[in-house]
Amino acid sequence: MAHPRRPPPLRGDTPATPGPEADTAVRAELARLRDSIDNIDAAVVHMLAERFKCTQQVGHLKAAHQLPPADPSREAQQIARLRRLAENAKLDPAFAEKLLNFIIAEVIRHHESIADGTGQPTGATGE
């Protein structure tokens, strides 16, 4: 059985098998993009560390004034706010909500540890 012939590439189409210069260009572009991703990841980690420093202070303030570790009203406001920010940034709002829920759960865990006098949970950032 004869194999059907592929039509020649149209103007602007990339051939199915790139030459060595295309491979080098693709690898360079991947490296550039991955460097950007690495920088963004580092910034996210540093921003989360700063956020947790603030939430630790909130936890100490709540504990000193016998306030509950969780604040469902504030959490709901933050989730709605983050969903709006995500939509405006063209990020999936459901993903943003899941991320914030994960962060909130960790913050509450820290606040509970502070309130019960055990200090910070294992792996928590310092003040």
Protein backbone atom coordinates (compact mmCIF):
# COMPACT_ATOMS: atom_id res chain seq x y z
CA MET A 1 0.00 0.00 0.00
CA ALA A 2 1.42 3.34 -1.01
CA HIS A 3 1.75 6.05 1.62
CA PRO A 4 -0.04 9.28 0.79
CA ARG A 5 2.31 12.09 -0.11
CA ARG A 6 2.44 15.04 2.23
CA PRO A 7 1.69 18.32 0.56
CA PRO A 8 4.60 20.75 0.50
CA PRO A 9 4.66 23.17 3.44
CA LEU A 10 2.70 26.34 2.92
CA ARG A 11 4.45 29.66 3.11
CA GLY A 12 5.22 30.37 6.75
CA ASP A 13 4.77 26.74 7.83
CA THR A 14 7.55 25.09 9.74
CA PRO A 15 8.85 21.85 8.24
CA ALA A 16 8.04 18.72 10.24
CA THR A 17 11.72 18.11 10.99
CA PRO A 18 13.50 21.29 12.00
CA GLY A 19 17.09 21.78 11.01
CA PRO A 20 19.90 22.15 13.57
CA GLU A 21 19.57 25.94 13.64
CA ALA A 22 15.86 25.65 14.49
CA ASP A 23 16.69 23.15 17.23
CA THR A 24 19.24 25.56 18.68
CA ALA A 25 16.77 28.43 18.51
CA VAL A 26 14.06 26.34 20.18
CA ARG A 27 16.43 25.30 22.97
CA ALA A 28 17.50 28.90 23.49
CA GLU A 29 13.88 30.06 23.68
CA LEU A 30 13.04 27.25 26.13
CA ALA A 31 16.01 28.25 28.29
CA ARG A 32 14.91 31.91 28.22
CA LEU A 33 11.34 31.05 29.18
CA ARG A 34 12.45 28.64 31.90
CA ASP A 35 14.76 31.29 33.36
CA SER A 36 11.76 33.63 33.55
CA ILE A 37 9.68 30.91 35.21
CA ASP A 38 12.46 30.28 37.74
CA ASN A 39 12.62 34.00 38.55
CA ILE A 40 8.86 34.20 38.97
CA ASP A 41 8.88 31.11 41.22
CA ALA A 42 11.55 32.74 43.40
CA ALA A 43 9.47 35.92 43.62
CA VAL A 44 6.36 33.90 44.56
CA VAL A 45 8.26 32.13 47.37
CA HIS A 46 9.59 35.43 48.71
CA MET A 47 6.13 37.04 48.53
CA LEU A 48 4.60 34.08 50.38
CA ALA A 49 7.31 34.36 53.05
CA GLU A 50 6.45 38.04 53.51
CA ARG A 51 2.75 37.21 53.64
CA PHE A 52 3.34 34.60 56.33
CA LYS A 53 5.40 37.06 58.37
CA CYS A 54 2.35 39.34 58.42
CA THR A 55 -0.07 36.53 59.21
CA GLN A 56 2.17 35.40 62.09
CA GLN A 57 1.83 38.89 63.56
CA VAL A 58 -1.95 38.67 63.06
CA GLY A 59 -1.91 35.31 64.87
CA HIS A 60 -0.05 36.77 67.85
CA LEU A 61 -2.43 39.73 67.98
CA LYS A 62 -5.47 37.44 67.83
CA ALA A 63 -4.05 35.18 70.55
CA ALA A 64 -3.25 38.15 72.81
CA HIS A 65 -6.85 39.34 72.54
CA GLN A 66 -8.52 35.91 72.63
CA LEU A 67 -9.82 36.23 69.08
CA PRO A 68 -10.56 33.05 67.10
CA PRO A 69 -7.86 31.79 64.72
CA ALA A 70 -10.29 31.73 61.78
CA ASP A 71 -12.34 34.63 60.45
CA PRO A 72 -14.81 33.16 57.93
CA SER A 73 -16.16 36.59 56.94
CA ARG A 74 -12.69 37.92 56.13
CA GLU A 75 -11.78 34.68 54.34
CA ALA A 76 -14.89 34.91 52.14
CA GLN A 77 -14.06 38.54 51.29
CA GLN A 78 -10.49 37.57 50.41
CA ILE A 79 -11.63 34.69 48.20
CA ALA A 80 -14.09 36.92 46.32
CA ARG A 81 -11.40 39.59 45.93
CA LEU A 82 -8.82 37.09 44.68
CA ARG A 83 -11.30 35.61 42.20
CA ARG A 84 -11.89 39.10 40.76
CA LEU A 85 -8.15 39.73 40.56
CA ALA A 86 -7.65 36.38 38.84
CA GLU A 87 -10.36 37.11 36.28
CA ASN A 88 -8.80 40.49 35.51
CA ALA A 89 -5.40 38.84 35.14
CA LYS A 90 -6.82 36.13 32.84
CA LEU A 91 -6.05 33.45 35.45
CA ASP A 92 -8.53 30.68 36.19
CA PRO A 93 -10.50 31.99 39.22
CA ALA A 94 -11.14 28.43 40.46
CA PHE A 95 -7.37 27.82 40.54
CA ALA A 96 -6.80 31.10 42.40
CA GLU A 97 -9.49 30.15 44.91
CA LYS A 98 -7.93 26.72 45.50
CA LEU A 99 -4.54 28.33 46.06
CA LEU A 100 -5.94 30.88 48.51
CA ASN A 101 -7.90 28.19 50.37
CA PHE A 102 -4.66 26.23 50.78
CA ILE A 103 -2.88 29.33 52.09
CA ILE A 104 -5.76 30.21 54.43
CA ALA A 105 -5.78 26.68 55.87
CA GLU A 106 -2.06 26.97 56.60
CA VAL A 107 -2.52 30.41 58.20
CA ILE A 108 -5.31 29.09 60.44
CA ARG A 109 -3.09 26.17 61.45
CA HIS A 110 -0.37 28.66 62.42
CA HIS A 111 -2.87 30.80 64.34
CA GLU A 112 -4.15 27.75 66.23
CA SER A 113 -0.59 26.81 67.21
CA ILE A 114 0.08 30.33 68.42
CA ALA A 115 -3.21 30.46 70.35
CA ASP A 116 -2.69 27.11 72.09
CA GLY A 117 0.80 28.12 73.14
CA THR A 118 2.68 25.53 71.12
CA GLY A 119 4.26 28.24 69.03
CA GLN A 120 4.70 27.76 65.33
CA PRO A 121 3.93 24.58 63.42
CA THR A 122 6.87 22.65 62.00
CA GLY A 123 8.32 24.40 58.97
CA ALA A 124 6.60 27.71 59.70
CA THR A 125 8.40 30.91 58.98
CA GLY A 126 9.64 33.02 61.85
CA GLU A 127 8.53 36.52 62.67
